Amino acid sequence: MMVVTPHVNAQYVVKKDFLINTLVSIIVILDGKLFGVKPVNQE
């Protein structure tokens, strides 16, 4: 069982959120280039 200190754990969470945000940004940019810029929720 690994013991994770709060400091290391906080760094991991920040990195994970940063990676997720980066991935989402890339997907949004690619989606805009491939399919044209569309409103997210179409009514």
N, C-alpha and C. Protein backbone atom coordinates (compact mmCIF):
# COMPACT_ATOMS: atom_id res chain seq x y z
N MET A 1 0.85 -1.19 0.00
CA MET A 1 0.00 0.00 0.00
C MET A 1 0.88 1.24 0.00
N MET A 2 0.65 2.12 -0.97
CA MET A 2 1.51 3.30 -1.08
C MET A 2 0.96 4.43 -0.22
N VAL A 3 1.88 5.11 0.46
CA VAL A 3 1.48 6.27 1.25
C VAL A 3 1.75 7.52 0.42
N VAL A 4 0.73 8.29 0.17
CA VAL A 4 0.87 9.49 -0.65
C VAL A 4 0.70 10.70 0.27
N THR A 5 1.70 11.57 0.27
CA THR A 5 1.61 12.77 1.10
C THR A 5 0.65 13.75 0.45
N PRO A 6 0.00 14.59 1.24
CA PRO A 6 -0.93 15.56 0.68
C PRO A 6 -0.30 16.45 -0.39
N HIS A 7 0.98 16.80 -0.20
CA HIS A 7 1.65 17.68 -1.16
C HIS A 7 1.73 16.99 -2.53
N VAL A 8 2.22 15.76 -2.54
CA VAL A 8 2.36 15.02 -3.80
C VAL A 8 0.98 14.78 -4.41
N ASN A 9 0.01 14.44 -3.57
CA ASN A 9 -1.33 14.18 -4.05
C ASN A 9 -1.92 15.43 -4.71
N ALA A 10 -1.70 16.59 -4.10
CA ALA A 10 -2.21 17.84 -4.67
C ALA A 10 -1.56 18.11 -6.02
N GLN A 11 -0.26 17.88 -6.11
CA GLN A 11 0.43 18.08 -7.40
C GLN A 11 -0.16 17.17 -8.46
N TYR A 12 -0.44 15.91 -8.09
CA TYR A 12 -0.99 14.96 -9.05
C TYR A 12 -2.35 15.44 -9.55
N VAL A 13 -3.19 15.90 -8.62
CA VAL A 13 -4.53 16.36 -9.01
C VAL A 13 -4.42 17.55 -9.95
N VAL A 14 -3.51 18.49 -9.64
CA VAL A 14 -3.35 19.66 -10.50
C VAL A 14 -2.89 19.24 -11.89
N LYS A 15 -1.92 18.33 -11.95
CA LYS A 15 -1.43 17.86 -13.25
C LYS A 15 -2.54 17.16 -14.02
N LYS A 16 -3.33 16.34 -13.33
CA LYS A 16 -4.40 15.61 -14.00
C LYS A 16 -5.42 16.60 -14.57
N ASP A 17 -5.81 17.60 -13.78
CA ASP A 17 -6.76 18.60 -14.27
C ASP A 17 -6.17 19.35 -15.47
N PHE A 18 -4.88 19.68 -15.39
CA PHE A 18 -4.23 20.39 -16.49
C PHE A 18 -4.26 19.55 -17.76
N LEU A 19 -3.95 18.26 -17.61
CA LEU A 19 -3.96 17.38 -18.80
C LEU A 19 -5.36 17.27 -19.38
N ILE A 20 -6.36 17.14 -18.52
CA ILE A 20 -7.75 17.04 -19.00
C ILE A 20 -8.13 18.32 -19.72
N ASN A 21 -7.80 19.48 -19.14
CA ASN A 21 -8.13 20.75 -19.79
C ASN A 21 -7.44 20.87 -21.14
N THR A 22 -6.17 20.43 -21.20
CA THR A 22 -5.44 20.49 -22.46
C THR A 22 -6.09 19.60 -23.51
N LEU A 23 -6.46 18.38 -23.11
CA LEU A 23 -7.11 17.46 -24.04
C LEU A 23 -8.42 18.05 -24.55
N VAL A 24 -9.21 18.62 -23.64
CA VAL A 24 -10.49 19.21 -24.04
C VAL A 24 -10.25 20.34 -25.02
N SER A 25 -9.26 21.18 -24.75
CA SER A 25 -8.96 22.30 -25.66
C SER A 25 -8.58 21.78 -27.04
N ILE A 26 -7.73 20.76 -27.09
CA ILE A 26 -7.30 20.19 -28.37
C ILE A 26 -8.50 19.63 -29.13
N ILE A 27 -9.36 18.92 -28.41
CA ILE A 27 -10.55 18.33 -29.05
C ILE A 27 -11.44 19.43 -29.60
N VAL A 28 -11.64 20.50 -28.83
CA VAL A 28 -12.49 21.60 -29.28
C VAL A 28 -11.89 22.24 -30.53
N ILE A 29 -10.58 22.47 -30.52
CA ILE A 29 -9.92 23.10 -31.67
C ILE A 29 -10.04 22.20 -32.90
N LEU A 30 -9.75 20.91 -32.73
CA LEU A 30 -9.86 19.98 -33.85
C LEU A 30 -11.29 19.91 -34.35
N ASP A 31 -12.25 19.87 -33.44
CA ASP A 31 -13.65 19.80 -33.82
C ASP A 31 -14.04 21.03 -34.62
N GLY A 32 -13.54 22.19 -34.19
CA GLY A 32 -13.84 23.42 -34.92
C GLY A 32 -13.24 23.41 -36.31
N LYS A 33 -12.01 22.87 -36.45
CA LYS A 33 -11.36 22.86 -37.76
C LYS A 33 -12.03 21.84 -38.69
N LEU A 34 -12.41 20.70 -38.14
CA LEU A 34 -12.94 19.63 -38.99
C LEU A 34 -14.38 19.89 -39.40
N PHE A 35 -15.19 20.37 -38.46
CA PHE A 35 -16.62 20.43 -38.70
C PHE A 35 -17.14 21.86 -38.76
N GLY A 36 -16.24 22.83 -38.70
CA GLY A 36 -16.69 24.21 -38.65
C GLY A 36 -17.14 24.56 -37.24
N VAL A 37 -17.13 25.84 -36.91
CA VAL A 37 -17.48 26.25 -35.56
C VAL A 37 -19.00 26.27 -35.44
N LYS A 38 -19.50 25.42 -34.55
CA LYS A 38 -20.95 25.33 -34.34
C LYS A 38 -21.24 25.58 -32.87
N PRO A 39 -22.39 26.12 -32.55
CA PRO A 39 -22.80 26.22 -31.14
C PRO A 39 -22.90 24.82 -30.54
N VAL A 40 -22.52 24.71 -29.27
CA VAL A 40 -22.45 23.39 -28.66
C VAL A 40 -23.84 22.77 -28.54
N ASN A 41 -24.78 23.51 -27.97
CA ASN A 41 -26.13 22.95 -27.86
C ASN A 41 -26.99 23.51 -28.98
N GLN A 42 -27.35 22.64 -29.89
CA GLN A 42 -28.18 23.05 -31.02
C GLN A 42 -29.63 22.78 -30.66
N GLU A 43 -30.48 23.77 -30.89
CA GLU A 43 -31.88 23.64 -30.49
C GLU A 43 -32.74 23.23 -31.66
